[in-house]
PDB file of N, CA and C in Angstrom:
ATOM      1  N   MET A   1     -53.591 -14.658  -9.601  1.00  0.00           N
ATOM      2  CA  MET A   1     -52.408 -13.945  -9.217  1.00  0.00           C
ATOM      3  C   MET A   1     -52.187 -12.585  -9.408  1.00  0.00           C
ATOM      4  N   ASN A   2     -52.501 -12.285  -8.749  1.00  0.00           N
ATOM      5  CA  ASN A   2     -52.371 -10.386  -8.915  1.00  0.00           C
ATOM      6  C   ASN A   2     -50.946 -10.010  -8.110  1.00  0.00           C
ATOM      7  N   ASN A   3     -49.936 -10.008  -8.817  1.00  0.00           N
ATOM      8  CA  ASN A   3     -48.598  -9.300  -7.899  1.00  0.00           C
ATOM      9  C   ASN A   3     -48.605  -7.935  -8.650  1.00  0.00           C
ATOM     10  N   THR A   4     -47.962  -7.355  -7.536  1.00  0.00           N
ATOM     11  CA  THR A   4     -47.550  -5.913  -7.334  1.00  0.00           C
ATOM     12  C   THR A   4     -46.120  -5.762  -7.976  1.00  0.00           C
ATOM     13  N   ILE A   5     -45.656  -4.451  -8.746  1.00  0.00           N
ATOM     14  CA  ILE A   5     -44.988  -3.858  -9.101  1.00  0.00           C
ATOM     15  C   ILE A   5     -44.698  -2.675  -8.229  1.00  0.00           C
ATOM     16  N   ILE A   6     -43.790  -2.180  -7.645  1.00  0.00           N
ATOM     17  CA  ILE A   6     -43.583  -1.338  -6.909  1.00  0.00           C
ATOM     18  C   ILE A   6     -42.697  -0.014  -7.615  1.00  0.00           C
ATOM     19  N   VAL A   7     -43.015   1.064  -7.732  1.00  0.00           N
ATOM     20  CA  VAL A   7     -42.032   1.893  -8.408  1.00  0.00           C
ATOM     21  C   VAL A   7     -41.537   3.078  -7.501  1.00  0.00           C
ATOM     22  N   ARG A   8     -40.373   3.034  -7.121  1.00  0.00           N
ATOM     23  CA  ARG A   8     -39.665   4.092  -6.130  1.00  0.00           C
ATOM     24  C   ARG A   8     -39.191   5.404  -6.702  1.00  0.00           C
ATOM     25  N   LEU A   9     -40.102   6.351  -6.999  1.00  0.00           N
ATOM     26  CA  LEU A   9     -39.623   7.138  -7.512  1.00  0.00           C
ATOM     27  C   LEU A   9     -38.706   8.189  -7.011  1.00  0.00           C
ATOM     28  N   LEU A  10     -39.049   8.664  -5.942  1.00  0.00           N
ATOM     29  CA  LEU A  10     -37.989   9.298  -4.741  1.00  0.00           C
ATOM     30  C   LEU A  10     -38.628   8.684  -3.369  1.00  0.00           C
ATOM     31  N   ASP A  11     -37.249   9.002  -2.262  1.00  0.00           N
ATOM     32  CA  ASP A  11     -37.854   8.898  -1.304  1.00  0.00           C
ATOM     33  C   ASP A  11     -39.387   9.236  -0.716  1.00  0.00           C
ATOM     34  N   GLY A  12     -40.204   8.356  -0.323  1.00  0.00           N
ATOM     35  CA  GLY A  12     -41.719   8.332  -0.003  1.00  0.00           C
ATOM     36  C   GLY A  12     -42.513   8.670  -0.530  1.00  0.00           C
ATOM     37  N   LYS A  13     -42.321   8.582  -2.180  1.00  0.00           N
ATOM     38  CA  LYS A  13     -43.154   8.621  -3.126  1.00  0.00           C
ATOM     39  C   LYS A  13     -42.922   7.272  -4.300  1.00  0.00           C
ATOM     40  N   GLU A  14     -43.856   6.207  -3.810  1.00  0.00           N
ATOM     41  CA  GLU A  14     -44.151   5.158  -4.119  1.00  0.00           C
ATOM     42  C   GLU A  14     -44.988   4.799  -4.930  1.00  0.00           C
ATOM     43  N   ILE A  15     -45.446   4.201  -6.253  1.00  0.00           N
ATOM     44  CA  ILE A  15     -46.576   3.987  -7.164  1.00  0.00           C
ATOM     45  C   ILE A  15     -46.403   2.546  -7.152  1.00  0.00           C
ATOM     46  N   GLU A  16     -47.863   1.735  -6.935  1.00  0.00           N
ATOM     47  CA  GLU A  16     -48.126   0.488  -6.759  1.00  0.00           C
ATOM     48  C   GLU A  16     -49.020  -0.065  -8.000  1.00  0.00           C
ATOM     49  N   LEU A  17     -48.504  -0.596  -9.146  1.00  0.00           N
ATOM     50  CA  LEU A  17     -49.051  -1.253 -10.000  1.00  0.00           C
ATOM     51  C   LEU A  17     -49.234  -2.461 -10.158  1.00  0.00           C
ATOM     52  N   ALA A  18     -50.252  -2.980 -10.832  1.00  0.00           N
ATOM     53  CA  ALA A  18     -50.639  -4.624 -10.851  1.00  0.00           C
ATOM     54  C   ALA A  18     -49.931  -4.689 -11.847  1.00  0.00           C
ATOM     55  N   SER A  19     -49.215  -6.123 -11.736  1.00  0.00           N
ATOM     56  CA  SER A  19     -48.446  -6.793 -12.950  1.00  0.00           C
ATOM     57  C   SER A  19     -49.030  -7.031 -14.328  1.00  0.00           C
ATOM     58  N   ASP A  20     -50.336  -7.485 -13.669  1.00  0.00           N
ATOM     59  CA  ASP A  20     -51.126  -7.638 -14.882  1.00  0.00           C
ATOM     60  C   ASP A  20     -51.989  -7.091 -15.520  1.00  0.00           C
ATOM     61  N   SER A  21     -51.950  -5.643 -15.282  1.00  0.00           N
ATOM     62  CA  SER A  21     -52.355  -4.825 -15.936  1.00  0.00           C
ATOM     63  C   SER A  21     -52.387  -3.502 -15.192  1.00  0.00           C
ATOM     64  N   PRO A  22     -51.304  -2.828 -15.146  1.00  0.00           N
ATOM     65  CA  PRO A  22     -50.329  -1.707 -14.875  1.00  0.00           C
ATOM     66  C   PRO A  22     -51.073  -0.338 -15.373  1.00  0.00           C
ATOM     67  N   ASP A  23     -51.739   0.451 -14.196  1.00  0.00           N
ATOM     68  CA  ASP A  23     -52.235   1.323 -14.548  1.00  0.00           C
ATOM     69  C   ASP A  23     -50.950   2.569 -14.548  1.00  0.00           C
ATOM     70  N   LEU A  24     -51.085   3.083 -15.511  1.00  0.00           N
ATOM     71  CA  LEU A  24     -49.786   3.997 -16.042  1.00  0.00           C
ATOM     72  C   LEU A  24     -50.072   5.604 -15.882  1.00  0.00           C
ATOM     73  N   LYS A  25     -51.303   5.334 -16.176  1.00  0.00           N
ATOM     74  CA  LYS A  25     -51.794   7.247 -15.367  1.00  0.00           C
ATOM     75  C   LYS A  25     -51.464   7.391 -14.361  1.00  0.00           C
ATOM     76  N   SER A  26     -51.322   6.473 -13.328  1.00  0.00           N
ATOM     77  CA  SER A  26     -51.216   6.868 -11.930  1.00  0.00           C
ATOM     78  C   SER A  26     -49.603   7.242 -11.700  1.00  0.00           C
ATOM     79  N   LEU A  27     -48.763   6.356 -12.620  1.00  0.00           N
ATOM     80  CA  LEU A  27     -47.094   6.469 -12.988  1.00  0.00           C
ATOM     81  C   LEU A  27     -47.144   8.005 -13.217  1.00  0.00           C
ATOM     82  N   VAL A  28     -47.463   8.103 -14.361  1.00  0.00           N
ATOM     83  CA  VAL A  28     -47.600   9.435 -15.472  1.00  0.00           C
ATOM     84  C   VAL A  28     -47.863  11.065 -14.235  1.00  0.00           C
ATOM     85  N   GLN A  29     -48.847  10.386 -13.659  1.00  0.00           N
ATOM     86  CA  GLN A  29     -49.469  11.549 -12.478  1.00  0.00           C
ATOM     87  C   GLN A  29     -48.556  11.800 -11.429  1.00  0.00           C
ATOM     88  N   ALA A  30     -48.156  10.637 -10.834  1.00  0.00           N
ATOM     89  CA  ALA A  30     -46.774  10.874 -10.032  1.00  0.00           C
ATOM     90  C   ALA A  30     -45.769  11.860 -10.185  1.00  0.00           C
ATOM     91  N   ILE A  31     -45.152  10.809 -11.807  1.00  0.00           N
ATOM     92  CA  ILE A  31     -44.282  11.547 -12.041  1.00  0.00           C
ATOM     93  C   ILE A  31     -44.369  13.029 -12.559  1.00  0.00           C
ATOM     94  N   VAL A  32     -44.951  13.643 -12.741  1.00  0.00           N
ATOM     95  CA  VAL A  32     -45.682  15.193 -13.447  1.00  0.00           C
ATOM     96  C   VAL A  32     -46.059  15.911 -12.240  1.00  0.00           C
ATOM     97  N   GLU A  33     -46.057  15.198 -10.815  1.00  0.00           N
ATOM     98  CA  GLU A  33     -46.466  15.872  -9.508  1.00  0.00           C
ATOM     99  C   GLU A  33     -45.156  16.545  -9.040  1.00  0.00           C
ATOM    100  N   ASN A  34     -44.328  15.266  -9.231  1.00  0.00           N
ATOM    101  CA  ASN A  34     -42.917  15.042  -8.396  1.00  0.00           C
ATOM    102  C   ASN A  34     -41.646  15.843  -9.304  1.00  0.00           C
ATOM    103  N   ARG A  35     -41.663  16.257 -10.755  1.00  0.00           N
ATOM    104  CA  ARG A  35     -41.075  16.326 -11.587  1.00  0.00           C
ATOM    105  C   ARG A  35     -39.811  17.054 -11.339  1.00  0.00           C
ATOM    106  N   ASP A  36     -39.713  18.313 -10.216  1.00  0.00           N
ATOM    107  CA  ASP A  36     -38.580  18.734  -9.813  1.00  0.00           C
ATOM    108  C   ASP A  36     -37.808  18.045  -8.854  1.00  0.00           C
ATOM    109  N   ALA A  37     -38.245  17.068  -8.351  1.00  0.00           N
ATOM    110  CA  ALA A  37     -37.637  16.071  -7.270  1.00  0.00           C
ATOM    111  C   ALA A  37     -37.089  15.134  -7.742  1.00  0.00           C
ATOM    112  N   ILE A  38     -37.648  14.736  -8.914  1.00  0.00           N
ATOM    113  CA  ILE A  38     -36.954  12.899  -9.488  1.00  0.00           C
ATOM    114  C   ILE A  38     -35.685  12.995 -10.008  1.00  0.00           C
ATOM    115  N   ASP A  39     -34.993  12.078  -9.382  1.00  0.00           N
ATOM    116  CA  ASP A  39     -33.503  11.757 -10.073  1.00  0.00           C
ATOM    117  C   ASP A  39     -34.034  10.481 -11.156  1.00  0.00           C
ATOM    118  N   PRO A  40     -34.208  10.429 -12.457  1.00  0.00           N
ATOM    119  CA  PRO A  40     -34.481   9.368 -13.517  1.00  0.00           C
ATOM    120  C   PRO A  40     -33.568   8.161 -12.723  1.00  0.00           C
ATOM    121  N   GLU A  41     -31.950   8.391 -12.743  1.00  0.00           N
ATOM    122  CA  GLU A  41     -31.171   7.561 -12.046  1.00  0.00           C
ATOM    123  C   GLU A  41     -31.443   7.068 -10.756  1.00  0.00           C
ATOM    124  N   LYS A  42     -32.327   7.712 -10.109  1.00  0.00           N
ATOM    125  CA  LYS A  42     -32.853   6.751  -8.912  1.00  0.00           C
ATOM    126  C   LYS A  42     -33.641   6.103  -8.903  1.00  0.00           C
ATOM    127  N   ILE A  43     -34.631   6.076  -9.955  1.00  0.00           N
ATOM    128  CA  ILE A  43     -35.988   5.151  -9.477  1.00  0.00           C
ATOM    129  C   ILE A  43     -35.394   3.317  -9.344  1.00  0.00           C
ATOM    130  N   VAL A  44     -36.278   3.032  -8.521  1.00  0.00           N
ATOM    131  CA  VAL A  44     -36.321   1.634  -7.811  1.00  0.00           C
ATOM    132  C   VAL A  44     -37.107   0.740  -8.249  1.00  0.00           C
ATOM    133  N   VAL A  45     -37.310   0.139  -8.797  1.00  0.00           N
ATOM    134  CA  VAL A  45     -38.132  -1.071  -9.365  1.00  0.00           C
ATOM    135  C   VAL A  45     -38.084  -2.724  -8.796  1.00  0.00           C
ATOM    136  N   GLU A  46     -39.649  -2.734  -7.775  1.00  0.00           N
ATOM    137  CA  GLU A  46     -39.398  -4.181  -7.103  1.00  0.00           C
ATOM    138  C   GLU A  46     -40.794  -4.679  -7.522  1.00  0.00           C
ATOM    139  N   CYS A  47     -40.533  -6.394  -7.588  1.00  0.00           N
ATOM    140  CA  CYS A  47     -41.641  -6.541  -7.773  1.00  0.00           C
ATOM    141  C   CYS A  47     -41.858  -8.256  -7.324  1.00  0.00           C
ATOM    142  N   ASP A  48     -43.033  -8.699  -6.905  1.00  0.00           N
ATOM    143  CA  ASP A  48     -43.062  -9.752  -5.660  1.00  0.00           C
ATOM    144  C   ASP A  48     -43.221 -11.148  -6.673  1.00  0.00           C
ATOM    145  N   ASP A  49     -43.131 -11.096  -7.974  1.00  0.00           N
ATOM    146  CA  ASP A  49     -42.932 -12.068  -9.013  1.00  0.00           C
ATOM    147  C   ASP A  49     -41.483 -11.960  -9.985  1.00  0.00           C
ATOM    148  N   GLU A  50     -40.602 -13.458  -9.152  1.00  0.00           N
ATOM    149  CA  GLU A  50     -39.630 -13.495  -9.956  1.00  0.00           C
ATOM    150  C   GLU A  50     -39.494 -13.242 -11.218  1.00  0.00           C
ATOM    151  N   ARG A  51     -40.446 -13.751 -12.028  1.00  0.00           N
ATOM    152  CA  ARG A  51     -40.543 -14.119 -13.560  1.00  0.00           C
ATOM    153  C   ARG A  51     -40.392 -12.567 -14.008  1.00  0.00           C
ATOM    154  N   PHE A  52     -40.882 -11.764 -13.142  1.00  0.00           N
ATOM    155  CA  PHE A  52     -40.604  -9.961 -13.649  1.00  0.00           C
ATOM    156  C   PHE A  52     -39.146  -9.613 -13.659  1.00  0.00           C
ATOM    157  N   ASP A  53     -38.960  -8.924 -14.978  1.00  0.00           N
ATOM    158  CA  ASP A  53     -37.761  -8.030 -15.094  1.00  0.00           C
ATOM    159  C   ASP A  53     -37.879  -6.714 -14.278  1.00  0.00           C
ATOM    160  N   SER A  54     -37.617  -6.480 -13.064  1.00  0.00           N
ATOM    161  CA  SER A  54     -37.369  -5.603 -12.543  1.00  0.00           C
ATOM    162  C   SER A  54     -36.754  -4.527 -12.794  1.00  0.00           C
ATOM    163  N   VAL A  55     -35.404  -5.066 -12.908  1.00  0.00           N
ATOM    164  CA  VAL A  55     -34.399  -4.252 -13.931  1.00  0.00           C
ATOM    165  C   VAL A  55     -34.367  -3.328 -14.822  1.00  0.00           C
ATOM    166  N   GLY A  56     -35.359  -4.660 -15.714  1.00  0.00           N
ATOM    167  CA  GLY A  56     -35.178  -4.087 -17.233  1.00  0.00           C
ATOM    168  C   GLY A  56     -36.309  -3.098 -17.484  1.00  0.00           C
ATOM    169  N   PHE A  57     -37.457  -3.361 -16.293  1.00  0.00           N
ATOM    170  CA  PHE A  57     -38.521  -2.022 -15.990  1.00  0.00           C
ATOM    171  C   PHE A  57     -38.116  -0.943 -15.741  1.00  0.00           C
ATOM    172  N   ALA A  58     -37.227  -0.861 -14.413  1.00  0.00           N
ATOM    173  CA  ALA A  58     -36.512   0.153 -14.052  1.00  0.00           C
ATOM    174  C   ALA A  58     -35.712   1.227 -15.042  1.00  0.00           C
ATOM    175  N   GLU A  59     -35.205   0.366 -16.145  1.00  0.00           N
ATOM    176  CA  GLU A  59     -34.271   1.190 -17.116  1.00  0.00           C
ATOM    177  C   GLU A  59     -35.498   1.750 -18.022  1.00  0.00           C
ATOM    178  N   ILE A  60     -36.149   1.056 -18.077  1.00  0.00           N
ATOM    179  CA  ILE A  60     -37.510   1.380 -19.405  1.00  0.00           C
ATOM    180  C   ILE A  60     -37.952   2.853 -18.874  1.00  0.00           C
ATOM    181  N   ILE A  61     -38.526   2.862 -17.552  1.00  0.00           N
ATOM    182  CA  ILE A  61     -39.269   4.028 -16.648  1.00  0.00           C
ATOM    183  C   ILE A  61     -37.915   4.902 -16.611  1.00  0.00           C
ATOM    184  N   SER A  62     -37.157   4.673 -16.130  1.00  0.00           N
ATOM    185  CA  SER A  62     -35.676   5.996 -16.277  1.00  0.00           C
ATOM    186  C   SER A  62     -35.639   6.683 -17.322  1.00  0.00           C
ATOM    187  N   VAL A  63     -35.404   5.533 -18.466  1.00  0.00           N
ATOM    188  CA  VAL A  63     -35.289   6.541 -19.775  1.00  0.00           C
ATOM    189  C   VAL A  63     -36.384   7.567 -20.267  1.00  0.00           C
ATOM    190  N   ALA A  64     -37.489   6.998 -19.753  1.00  0.00           N
ATOM    191  CA  ALA A  64     -38.751   7.576 -20.431  1.00  0.00           C
ATOM    192  C   ALA A  64     -38.914   8.790 -19.478  1.00  0.00           C
ATOM    193  N   VAL A  65     -38.535   8.761 -18.339  1.00  0.00           N
ATOM    194  CA  VAL A  65     -38.290   9.882 -17.404  1.00  0.00           C
ATOM    195  C   VAL A  65     -37.646  10.759 -17.407  1.00  0.00           C
ATOM    196  N   LYS A  66     -36.208  10.784 -17.886  1.00  0.00           N
ATOM    197  CA  LYS A  66     -35.296  11.056 -18.436  1.00  0.00           C
ATOM    198  C   LYS A  66     -35.974  12.368 -19.618  1.00  0.00           C
ATOM    199  N   SER A  67     -36.506  11.362 -20.645  1.00  0.00           N
ATOM    200  CA  SER A  67     -36.892  11.746 -21.810  1.00  0.00           C
ATOM    201  C   SER A  67     -38.008  13.110 -21.318  1.00  0.00           C
ATOM    202  N   PHE A  68     -38.947  12.592 -20.597  1.00  0.00           N
ATOM    203  CA  PHE A  68     -40.197  13.429 -20.427  1.00  0.00           C
ATOM    204  C   PHE A  68     -39.501  14.426 -19.761  1.00  0.00           C
ATOM    205  N   LEU A  69     -38.843  14.280 -18.767  1.00  0.00           N
ATOM    206  CA  LEU A  69     -38.158  15.601 -18.516  1.00  0.00           C
ATOM    207  C   LEU A  69     -37.486  16.526 -18.698  1.00  0.00           C
ATOM    208  N   ASP A  70     -36.932  16.249 -19.849  1.00  0.00           N
ATOM    209  CA  ASP A  70     -36.137  16.899 -20.304  1.00  0.00           C
ATOM    210  C   ASP A  70     -37.114  17.384 -21.772  1.00  0.00           C
ATOM    211  N   GLU A  71     -38.106  17.258 -22.504  1.00  0.00           N
ATOM    212  CA  GLU A  71     -39.220  17.865 -22.940  1.00  0.00           C
ATOM    213  C   GLU A  71     -39.753  19.019 -21.954  1.00  0.00           C
ATOM    214  N   LEU A  72     -39.717  18.844 -20.935  1.00  0.00           N
ATOM    215  CA  LEU A  72     -40.876  19.855 -19.775  1.00  0.00           C
ATOM    216  C   LEU A  72     -39.585  20.708 -19.998  1.00  0.00           C
ATOM    217  N   ARG A  73     -38.311  20.705 -19.700  1.00  0.00           N
ATOM    218  CA  ARG A  73     -37.415  21.739 -19.235  1.00  0.00           C
ATOM    219  C   ARG A  73     -37.217  22.563 -20.551  1.00  0.00           C
ATOM    220  N   ILE A  74     -37.544  21.924 -21.998  1.00  0.00           N
ATOM    221  CA  ILE A  74     -37.443  22.649 -23.062  1.00  0.00           C
ATOM    222  C   ILE A  74     -38.488  23.518 -23.400  1.00  0.00           C
ATOM    223  N   ASP A  75     -39.467  22.895 -22.959  1.00  0.00           N
ATOM    224  CA  ASP A  75     -40.688  23.516 -23.566  1.00  0.00           C
ATOM    225  C   ASP A  75     -41.061  25.071 -22.265  1.00  0.00           C
ATOM    226  N   LYS A  76     -40.266  24.458 -20.944  1.00  0.00           N
ATOM    227  CA  LYS A  76     -40.411  26.099 -20.225  1.00  0.00           C
ATOM    228  C   LYS A  76     -39.705  26.626 -20.267  1.00  0.00           C
ATOM    229  N   GLU A  77     -38.003  26.408 -21.031  1.00  0.00           N
ATOM    230  CA  GLU A  77     -37.231  27.382 -21.794  1.00  0.00           C
ATOM    231  C   GLU A  77     -38.208  28.004 -23.046  1.00  0.00           C
ATOM    232  N   LYS A  78     -38.812  27.303 -23.809  1.00  0.00           N
ATOM    233  CA  LYS A  78     -39.118  28.316 -24.747  1.00  0.00           C
ATOM    234  C   LYS A  78     -40.373  28.931 -24.358  1.00  0.00           C
ATOM    235  N   LEU A  79     -40.842  28.454 -23.083  1.00  0.00           N
ATOM    236  CA  LEU A  79     -42.154  29.500 -22.901  1.00  0.00           C
ATOM    237  C   LEU A  79     -41.472  30.539 -21.913  1.00  0.00           C
ATOM    238  N   GLU A  80     -40.581  30.688 -21.482  1.00  0.00           N
ATOM    239  CA  GLU A  80     -39.969  31.766 -21.077  1.00  0.00           C
ATOM    240  C   GLU A  80     -39.218  32.846 -22.120  1.00  0.00           C
ATOM    241  N   THR A  81     -38.892  32.496 -23.211  1.00  0.00           N
ATOM    242  CA  THR A  81     -38.198  32.856 -24.204  1.00  0.00           C
ATOM    243  C   THR A  81     -39.437  33.999 -24.390  1.00  0.00           C
ATOM    244  N   ALA A  82     -40.207  32.969 -25.009  1.00  0.00           N
ATOM    245  CA  ALA A  82     -41.926  33.748 -25.756  1.00  0.00           C
ATOM    246  C   ALA A  82     -41.974  34.698 -24.346  1.00  0.00           C
ATOM    247  N   LEU A  83     -42.237  34.747 -23.610  1.00  0.00           N
ATOM    248  CA  LEU A  83     -42.618  35.089 -22.508  1.00  0.00           C
ATOM    249  C   LEU A  83     -41.654  36.990 -22.224  1.00  0.00           C
ATOM    250  N   SER A  84     -40.549  36.534 -22.418  1.00  0.00           N
ATOM    251  CA  SER A  84     -39.277  37.702 -22.664  1.00  0.00           C
ATOM    252  C   SER A  84     -39.184  38.654 -23.748  1.00  0.00           C
ATOM    253  N   GLU A  85     -39.543  38.114 -25.225  1.00  0.00           N
ATOM    254  CA  GLU A  85     -39.918  38.688 -25.900  1.00  0.00           C
ATOM    255  C   GLU A  85     -40.895  39.396 -26.036  1.00  0.00           C
ATOM    256  N   LEU A  86     -41.943  39.163 -25.245  1.00  0.00           N
ATOM    257  CA  LEU A  86     -43.087  39.948 -25.401  1.00  0.00           C
ATOM    258  C   LEU A  86     -43.224  40.989 -24.390  1.00  0.00           C
ATOM    259  N   GLU A  87     -42.504  40.943 -23.415  1.00  0.00           N
ATOM    260  CA  GLU A  87     -42.424  42.162 -22.787  1.00  0.00           C
ATOM    261  C   GLU A  87     -41.434  43.090 -23.095  1.00  0.00           C
ATOM    262  N   GLU A  88     -40.608  43.323 -23.670  1.00  0.00           N
ATOM    263  CA  GLU A  88     -39.525  43.735 -24.569  1.00  0.00           C
ATOM    264  C   GLU A  88     -40.576  44.800 -25.592  1.00  0.00           C
TER     265      GLU A  88
END
């Protein structure tokens, strides 16, 4: 049985994962590529296996994406600060 998990990051951007061995690398890559457009609160997860906790998985993904995006924002701010100090 090969059930599919669909993670909808934003309109028009869905990632399909196999529920028995999800390829999280493709999910992370899609998050990085779309980081400026993703709203972690609007991530939707669907699965054709009723035993799979789609709501719980969506919450985990949402929290992880929010944390990841916050870290990227902080790193970008640090980089911009460092660059402006170098220019002075």
